[in-house]
Each structure stands twice: as C-alpha cells, then as structure tokens.
Amino acid sequence: MMQSYLRLIAVSVAVCLGSVTSIANAGVFDGHTVNYQYYLPNLSTPYASAGNGDYRVDTGVEISNVVDGFGTLDFSGDEFVISFAHGGNFSPTAFNGFAISDVSASINPFTSFSLVSNTAVSGTPILSFDANHLYVNWAGLNFNRGELVFSVSSLTTHPNSHPVTSFSRTISPVPEPDTYALLLVGLGLVGYSARRKQI
C-alpha cells in the first residue's frame, strides 16, 4: 500500500514539473502573431517585393521571402534566424531593411535586441527597437550564403496585466491541469502521513 502512495506522489510531481517546465520555456515570440514589413529606400516607404504580412509564430519557417526572393526568416523562442542561400547586396539608401511588429500588443514589451551571430552579411546591420517594434537596417552591405541569428528579450510581465484588487461575484474558471497535479501531490502526502501514523 505504501508503494502505491509513493508511486502516486512520484507521478504527481512529474506531471507538475512537466507543466511548470513547459511554461518556463515559452519564448518571446512563441504562439504570437507578428507583422513583417520591408522598407526601401527609407523607413516611410514599404517595399512590395518581400514576404510582407502577419505571421503566427509556430514550428517551421514563417517567412520564405525576406526580400526580392532572397532569404527565409524563422522565429524560434527568443530568437529569429535569417538564412540566405545566395549572395547579393543591399542598396546604400537611408533605410534598406525590415521591421517586425507586435500586431496585437500581446507580446511583452521588448527590452533588448542584438545580433548573436553573422555568417551571411559583410559588416554589421544597424539594429534598433522600441517596446513593440524591431528594426534591421543593412543598407549598403553585401550578403552571401549563411545566417544571421538575432536575439530578443522582453519584460517578464505585460504592463497591461494588473493584479486583482477587488472581489467579484463571478463563477470561478475551470482549474488548470497544474492545479490538479498539485492537489494530487498534497493528497498523496496527506495519505502517506496518515498511513505512517497508523503504523
């Protein structure tokens, strides 16, 4: 009987830890919709020969045309990767690059934006950002076959989320699976303690 309690506790803890780990590993972009827009020759002029539009971030490559049929863009966790299969050059204009925007303001505000590695572009693109936009300007640079890996971080809590400070008479939502897992762990421990006291 005691082995059954221990097994129940072990399973409950495993379920609980699995749920917590999956929540902790969610990245900045995961599950969100972003807008990709290419601009040339300045940040006021959208450029049509690119994969402009809204993209929901999930598994796989989101954007298959970074610009003029060159390059792909893949979001993953807190990063995005641009891959080029061929070489070329970006015209030296005021702005020749793209912006990534948080379409529905559901992503926590961006707090940093950096280039982690670059095996594709000669030189370093100019990066800038604000709370809801990321900008990459690679005007005048050449590119070859390779990748650019960008890293993004954001606030851990969204500024529009507020703690509940008043009571309301509403029906409680259905508990999350994590709640049931914790309940099972607690019941298992209570049962184990009661069993030990009987012996």
C-alpha atoms as a PDB file:
ATOM      1  CA  MET A   1       0.000   0.000   0.000  1.00  0.00           C
ATOM      2  CA  MET A   2       2.825   2.377   0.844  1.00  0.00           C
ATOM      3  CA  GLN A   3       4.396   1.725  -2.570  1.00  0.00           C
ATOM      4  CA  SER A   4       1.131   2.810  -4.188  1.00  0.00           C
ATOM      5  CA  TYR A   5       1.244   6.113  -2.289  1.00  0.00           C
ATOM      6  CA  LEU A   6       4.867   6.682  -3.251  1.00  0.00           C
ATOM      7  CA  ARG A   7       4.081   5.892  -6.895  1.00  0.00           C
ATOM      8  CA  LEU A   8       1.166   8.337  -6.792  1.00  0.00           C
ATOM      9  CA  ILE A   9       3.389  11.042  -5.343  1.00  0.00           C
ATOM     10  CA  ALA A  10       6.124  10.429  -7.947  1.00  0.00           C
ATOM     11  CA  VAL A  11       3.655  10.607 -10.832  1.00  0.00           C
ATOM     12  CA  SER A  12       2.044  13.764  -9.431  1.00  0.00           C
ATOM     13  CA  VAL A  13       5.394  15.511  -9.034  1.00  0.00           C
ATOM     14  CA  ALA A  14       6.446  14.514 -12.565  1.00  0.00           C
ATOM     15  CA  VAL A  15       3.216  15.904 -14.037  1.00  0.00           C
ATOM     16  CA  CYS A  16       3.564  19.125 -12.061  1.00  0.00           C
ATOM     17  CA  LEU A  17       7.222  19.652 -13.011  1.00  0.00           C
ATOM     18  CA  GLY A  18       6.464  18.914 -16.666  1.00  0.00           C
ATOM     19  CA  SER A  19       3.786  21.607 -16.716  1.00  0.00           C
ATOM     20  CA  VAL A  20       5.995  24.173 -15.000  1.00  0.00           C
ATOM     21  CA  THR A  21       8.907  23.442 -17.375  1.00  0.00           C
ATOM     22  CA  SER A  22       6.762  23.904 -20.472  1.00  0.00           C
ATOM     23  CA  ILE A  23       5.535  27.278 -19.175  1.00  0.00           C
ATOM     24  CA  ALA A  24       9.058  28.437 -18.260  1.00  0.00           C
ATOM     25  CA  ASN A  25      10.445  27.565 -21.718  1.00  0.00           C
ATOM     26  CA  ALA A  26       7.945  29.649 -23.684  1.00  0.00           C
ATOM     27  CA  GLY A  27       9.858  32.195 -25.755  1.00  0.00           C
ATOM     28  CA  VAL A  28       9.178  35.832 -26.575  1.00  0.00           C
ATOM     29  CA  PHE A  29       7.561  35.015 -29.951  1.00  0.00           C
ATOM     30  CA  ASP A  30       6.041  31.554 -29.340  1.00  0.00           C
ATOM     31  CA  GLY A  31       2.344  31.455 -30.252  1.00  0.00           C
ATOM     32  CA  HIS A  32       2.131  35.179 -31.042  1.00  0.00           C
ATOM     33  CA  THR A  33       1.337  36.919 -34.328  1.00  0.00           C
ATOM     34  CA  VAL A  34       3.949  39.315 -35.682  1.00  0.00           C
ATOM     35  CA  ASN A  35       3.973  41.614 -38.695  1.00  0.00           C
ATOM     36  CA  TYR A  36       6.901  41.632 -41.130  1.00  0.00           C
ATOM     37  CA  GLN A  37       7.360  44.697 -43.335  1.00  0.00           C
ATOM     38  CA  TYR A  38      10.302  45.506 -45.614  1.00  0.00           C
ATOM     39  CA  TYR A  39      11.199  49.175 -46.254  1.00  0.00           C
ATOM     40  CA  LEU A  40      13.259  50.764 -49.070  1.00  0.00           C
ATOM     41  CA  PRO A  41      14.647  53.443 -49.627  1.00  0.00           C
ATOM     42  CA  ASN A  42      13.548  54.856 -46.254  1.00  0.00           C
ATOM     43  CA  LEU A  43      11.530  53.820 -43.233  1.00  0.00           C
ATOM     44  CA  SER A  44       8.469  55.626 -44.623  1.00  0.00           C
ATOM     45  CA  THR A  45       8.341  53.618 -47.859  1.00  0.00           C
ATOM     46  CA  PRO A  46       7.127  49.994 -47.768  1.00  0.00           C
ATOM     47  CA  TYR A  47       8.798  47.741 -50.343  1.00  0.00           C
ATOM     48  CA  ALA A  48       6.450  45.311 -52.100  1.00  0.00           C
ATOM     49  CA  SER A  49       8.914  42.596 -53.245  1.00  0.00           C
ATOM     50  CA  ALA A  50       9.113  40.873 -49.870  1.00  0.00           C
ATOM     51  CA  GLY A  51       7.029  38.498 -47.772  1.00  0.00           C
ATOM     52  CA  ASN A  52       5.224  41.346 -46.032  1.00  0.00           C
ATOM     53  CA  GLY A  53       2.317  40.417 -43.787  1.00  0.00           C
ATOM     54  CA  ASP A  54       1.169  38.932 -40.492  1.00  0.00           C
ATOM     55  CA  TYR A  55       2.626  35.612 -39.334  1.00  0.00           C
ATOM     56  CA  ARG A  56       1.677  33.387 -36.415  1.00  0.00           C
ATOM     57  CA  VAL A  57       4.847  32.012 -34.814  1.00  0.00           C
ATOM     58  CA  ASP A  58       4.867  28.235 -34.564  1.00  0.00           C
ATOM     59  CA  THR A  59       7.115  25.434 -35.760  1.00  0.00           C
ATOM     60  CA  GLY A  60       8.742  25.840 -39.161  1.00  0.00           C
ATOM     61  CA  VAL A  61       9.897  28.791 -41.236  1.00  0.00           C
ATOM     62  CA  GLU A  62       7.447  31.692 -41.084  1.00  0.00           C
ATOM     63  CA  ILE A  63       8.728  33.935 -43.898  1.00  0.00           C
ATOM     64  CA  SER A  64      10.010  32.445 -47.157  1.00  0.00           C
ATOM     65  CA  ASN A  65      10.869  35.755 -48.895  1.00  0.00           C
ATOM     66  CA  VAL A  66      12.889  38.215 -46.811  1.00  0.00           C
ATOM     67  CA  VAL A  67      13.373  40.477 -49.849  1.00  0.00           C
ATOM     68  CA  ASP A  68      13.380  40.056 -53.664  1.00  0.00           C
ATOM     69  CA  GLY A  69      13.079  36.266 -53.335  1.00  0.00           C
ATOM     70  CA  PHE A  70      16.216  36.067 -51.167  1.00  0.00           C
ATOM     71  CA  GLY A  71      16.281  34.584 -47.715  1.00  0.00           C
ATOM     72  CA  THR A  72      13.992  32.983 -45.175  1.00  0.00           C
ATOM     73  CA  LEU A  73      13.131  34.083 -41.645  1.00  0.00           C
ATOM     74  CA  ASP A  74      12.367  31.639 -38.840  1.00  0.00           C
ATOM     75  CA  PHE A  75      11.198  32.626 -35.355  1.00  0.00           C
ATOM     76  CA  SER A  76      12.074  30.293 -32.500  1.00  0.00           C
ATOM     77  CA  GLY A  77      11.723  31.092 -28.800  1.00  0.00           C
ATOM     78  CA  ASP A  78      13.622  34.319 -28.087  1.00  0.00           C
ATOM     79  CA  GLU A  79      15.424  34.385 -31.434  1.00  0.00           C
ATOM     80  CA  PHE A  80      14.874  34.652 -35.137  1.00  0.00           C
ATOM     81  CA  VAL A  81      17.194  33.425 -37.868  1.00  0.00           C
ATOM     82  CA  ILE A  82      17.590  34.807 -41.375  1.00  0.00           C
ATOM     83  CA  SER A  83      19.113  32.375 -43.880  1.00  0.00           C
ATOM     84  CA  PHE A  84      20.423  33.277 -47.318  1.00  0.00           C
ATOM     85  CA  ALA A  85      21.087  30.607 -49.969  1.00  0.00           C
ATOM     86  CA  HIS A  86      22.677  33.045 -52.457  1.00  0.00           C
ATOM     87  CA  GLY A  87      24.666  36.272 -52.389  1.00  0.00           C
ATOM     88  CA  GLY A  88      23.870  39.833 -53.374  1.00  0.00           C
ATOM     89  CA  ASN A  89      23.965  43.362 -51.991  1.00  0.00           C
ATOM     90  CA  PHE A  90      21.642  45.808 -50.262  1.00  0.00           C
ATOM     91  CA  SER A  91      21.417  49.262 -51.913  1.00  0.00           C
ATOM     92  CA  PRO A  92      23.049  52.066 -49.899  1.00  0.00           C
ATOM     93  CA  THR A  93      19.940  54.097 -49.038  1.00  0.00           C
ATOM     94  CA  ALA A  94      18.696  55.742 -45.858  1.00  0.00           C
ATOM     95  CA  PHE A  95      16.931  52.521 -44.864  1.00  0.00           C
ATOM     96  CA  ASN A  96      17.115  49.161 -46.597  1.00  0.00           C
ATOM     97  CA  GLY A  97      15.762  46.575 -44.210  1.00  0.00           C
ATOM     98  CA  PHE A  98      12.724  45.440 -42.296  1.00  0.00           C
ATOM     99  CA  ALA A  99      10.616  45.909 -39.205  1.00  0.00           C
ATOM    100  CA  ILE A 100       8.995  43.251 -37.062  1.00  0.00           C
ATOM    101  CA  SER A 101       5.964  44.468 -35.110  1.00  0.00           C
ATOM    102  CA  ASP A 102       3.803  43.064 -32.352  1.00  0.00           C
ATOM    103  CA  VAL A 103       0.450  43.013 -34.183  1.00  0.00           C
ATOM    104  CA  SER A 104      -1.976  42.719 -31.277  1.00  0.00           C
ATOM    105  CA  ALA A 105       0.228  44.102 -28.471  1.00  0.00           C
ATOM    106  CA  SER A 106       0.200  40.639 -26.893  1.00  0.00           C
ATOM    107  CA  ILE A 107       3.986  40.270 -26.631  1.00  0.00           C
ATOM    108  CA  ASN A 108       5.574  41.776 -23.541  1.00  0.00           C
ATOM    109  CA  PRO A 109       7.470  44.995 -24.414  1.00  0.00           C
ATOM    110  CA  PHE A 110      10.870  44.381 -25.987  1.00  0.00           C
ATOM    111  CA  THR A 111      13.796  45.262 -23.710  1.00  0.00           C
ATOM    112  CA  SER A 112      16.800  44.236 -25.837  1.00  0.00           C
ATOM    113  CA  PHE A 113      17.651  43.321 -29.428  1.00  0.00           C
ATOM    114  CA  SER A 114      21.036  42.027 -30.568  1.00  0.00           C
ATOM    115  CA  LEU A 115      22.836  40.154 -33.332  1.00  0.00           C
ATOM    116  CA  VAL A 116      24.173  36.911 -31.840  1.00  0.00           C
ATOM    117  CA  SER A 117      25.993  35.553 -34.897  1.00  0.00           C
ATOM    118  CA  ASN A 118      26.506  36.562 -38.516  1.00  0.00           C
ATOM    119  CA  THR A 119      27.858  34.300 -41.244  1.00  0.00           C
ATOM    120  CA  ALA A 120      25.947  35.940 -44.112  1.00  0.00           C
ATOM    121  CA  VAL A 121      26.348  39.729 -44.188  1.00  0.00           C
ATOM    122  CA  SER A 122      29.620  41.628 -44.597  1.00  0.00           C
ATOM    123  CA  GLY A 123      29.633  44.165 -41.819  1.00  0.00           C
ATOM    124  CA  THR A 124      27.057  44.641 -39.089  1.00  0.00           C
ATOM    125  CA  PRO A 125      23.453  45.702 -39.711  1.00  0.00           C
ATOM    126  CA  ILE A 126      22.139  48.636 -37.676  1.00  0.00           C
ATOM    127  CA  LEU A 127      19.618  47.407 -35.111  1.00  0.00           C
ATOM    128  CA  SER A 128      17.078  49.476 -33.205  1.00  0.00           C
ATOM    129  CA  PHE A 129      13.906  48.751 -31.269  1.00  0.00           C
ATOM    130  CA  ASP A 130      11.120  50.147 -29.153  1.00  0.00           C
ATOM    131  CA  ALA A 131       8.526  48.401 -26.981  1.00  0.00           C
ATOM    132  CA  ASN A 132       6.615  46.899 -29.951  1.00  0.00           C
ATOM    133  CA  HIS A 133       8.998  47.051 -32.955  1.00  0.00           C
ATOM    134  CA  LEU A 134      12.346  45.595 -34.033  1.00  0.00           C
ATOM    135  CA  TYR A 135      14.252  47.246 -36.912  1.00  0.00           C
ATOM    136  CA  VAL A 136      17.110  45.822 -39.014  1.00  0.00           C
ATOM    137  CA  ASN A 137      18.838  48.184 -41.476  1.00  0.00           C
ATOM    138  CA  TRP A 138      21.520  46.539 -43.636  1.00  0.00           C
ATOM    139  CA  ALA A 139      21.738  49.306 -46.259  1.00  0.00           C
ATOM    140  CA  GLY A 140      24.975  49.189 -48.305  1.00  0.00           C
ATOM    141  CA  LEU A 141      26.086  45.778 -47.009  1.00  0.00           C
ATOM    142  CA  ASN A 142      26.764  42.660 -49.105  1.00  0.00           C
ATOM    143  CA  PHE A 143      25.349  39.260 -48.258  1.00  0.00           C
ATOM    144  CA  ASN A 144      26.391  35.695 -49.051  1.00  0.00           C
ATOM    145  CA  ARG A 145      25.164  32.213 -48.279  1.00  0.00           C
ATOM    146  CA  GLY A 146      24.843  31.967 -44.486  1.00  0.00           C
ATOM    147  CA  GLU A 147      22.781  33.005 -41.481  1.00  0.00           C
ATOM    148  CA  LEU A 148      22.148  35.892 -39.131  1.00  0.00           C
ATOM    149  CA  VAL A 149      20.874  34.995 -35.661  1.00  0.00           C
ATOM    150  CA  PHE A 150      19.103  37.729 -33.700  1.00  0.00           C
ATOM    151  CA  SER A 151      18.208  37.549 -30.006  1.00  0.00           C
ATOM    152  CA  VAL A 152      15.320  39.413 -28.380  1.00  0.00           C
ATOM    153  CA  SER A 153      14.244  39.769 -24.774  1.00  0.00           C
ATOM    154  CA  SER A 154      11.145  41.302 -23.251  1.00  0.00           C
ATOM    155  CA  LEU A 155       9.667  42.214 -19.893  1.00  0.00           C
ATOM    156  CA  THR A 156       8.640  39.169 -17.884  1.00  0.00           C
ATOM    157  CA  THR A 157       5.153  40.551 -17.230  1.00  0.00           C
ATOM    158  CA  HIS A 158       2.982  42.533 -19.608  1.00  0.00           C
ATOM    159  CA  PRO A 159       2.338  46.128 -18.414  1.00  0.00           C
ATOM    160  CA  ASN A 160      -1.373  45.775 -19.223  1.00  0.00           C
ATOM    161  CA  SER A 161      -1.754  42.931 -16.727  1.00  0.00           C
ATOM    162  CA  HIS A 162      -2.894  44.112 -13.299  1.00  0.00           C
ATOM    163  CA  PRO A 163      -3.297  42.133 -10.105  1.00  0.00           C
ATOM    164  CA  VAL A 164      -6.889  41.651  -8.964  1.00  0.00           C
ATOM    165  CA  THR A 165      -7.505  44.040  -6.080  1.00  0.00           C
ATOM    166  CA  SER A 166     -11.244  43.661  -5.578  1.00  0.00           C
ATOM    167  CA  PHE A 167     -13.588  40.773  -5.059  1.00  0.00           C
ATOM    168  CA  SER A 168     -16.296  39.957  -7.561  1.00  0.00           C
ATOM    169  CA  ARG A 169     -19.162  37.521  -7.535  1.00  0.00           C
ATOM    170  CA  THR A 170     -18.310  35.550 -10.626  1.00  0.00           C
ATOM    171  CA  ILE A 171     -18.064  31.865 -11.300  1.00  0.00           C
ATOM    172  CA  SER A 172     -14.514  30.601 -10.920  1.00  0.00           C
ATOM    173  CA  PRO A 173     -12.863  29.287 -14.080  1.00  0.00           C
ATOM    174  CA  VAL A 174     -12.063  25.601 -14.513  1.00  0.00           C
ATOM    175  CA  PRO A 175      -8.714  24.890 -12.794  1.00  0.00           C
ATOM    176  CA  GLU A 176      -5.620  24.316 -14.937  1.00  0.00           C
ATOM    177  CA  PRO A 177      -4.048  20.825 -15.042  1.00  0.00           C
ATOM    178  CA  ASP A 178      -1.204  22.158 -12.845  1.00  0.00           C
ATOM    179  CA  THR A 179      -3.736  22.777 -10.070  1.00  0.00           C
ATOM    180  CA  TYR A 180      -4.926  19.178 -10.205  1.00  0.00           C
ATOM    181  CA  ALA A 181      -1.326  17.931 -10.166  1.00  0.00           C
ATOM    182  CA  LEU A 182      -0.559  19.966  -7.053  1.00  0.00           C
ATOM    183  CA  LEU A 183      -3.780  18.737  -5.450  1.00  0.00           C
ATOM    184  CA  LEU A 184      -2.759  15.137  -6.116  1.00  0.00           C
ATOM    185  CA  VAL A 185       0.679  15.737  -4.595  1.00  0.00           C
ATOM    186  CA  GLY A 186      -0.931  17.230  -1.499  1.00  0.00           C
ATOM    187  CA  LEU A 187      -3.438  14.393  -1.147  1.00  0.00           C
ATOM    188  CA  GLY A 188      -0.652  11.863  -1.622  1.00  0.00           C
ATOM    189  CA  LEU A 189       1.396  13.453   1.147  1.00  0.00           C
ATOM    190  CA  VAL A 190      -1.600  13.592   3.490  1.00  0.00           C
ATOM    191  CA  GLY A 191      -2.361   9.929   2.791  1.00  0.00           C
ATOM    192  CA  TYR A 192       1.246   8.949   3.331  1.00  0.00           C
ATOM    193  CA  SER A 193       1.370  10.838   6.646  1.00  0.00           C
ATOM    194  CA  ALA A 194      -1.873   9.230   7.837  1.00  0.00           C
ATOM    195  CA  ARG A 195      -0.575   5.805   6.876  1.00  0.00           C
ATOM    196  CA  ARG A 196       2.671   6.342   8.810  1.00  0.00           C
ATOM    197  CA  LYS A 197       0.751   7.409  11.929  1.00  0.00           C
ATOM    198  CA  GLN A 198      -1.294   4.186  11.823  1.00  0.00           C
ATOM    199  CA  ILE A 199       1.841   2.012  11.767  1.00  0.00           C
END
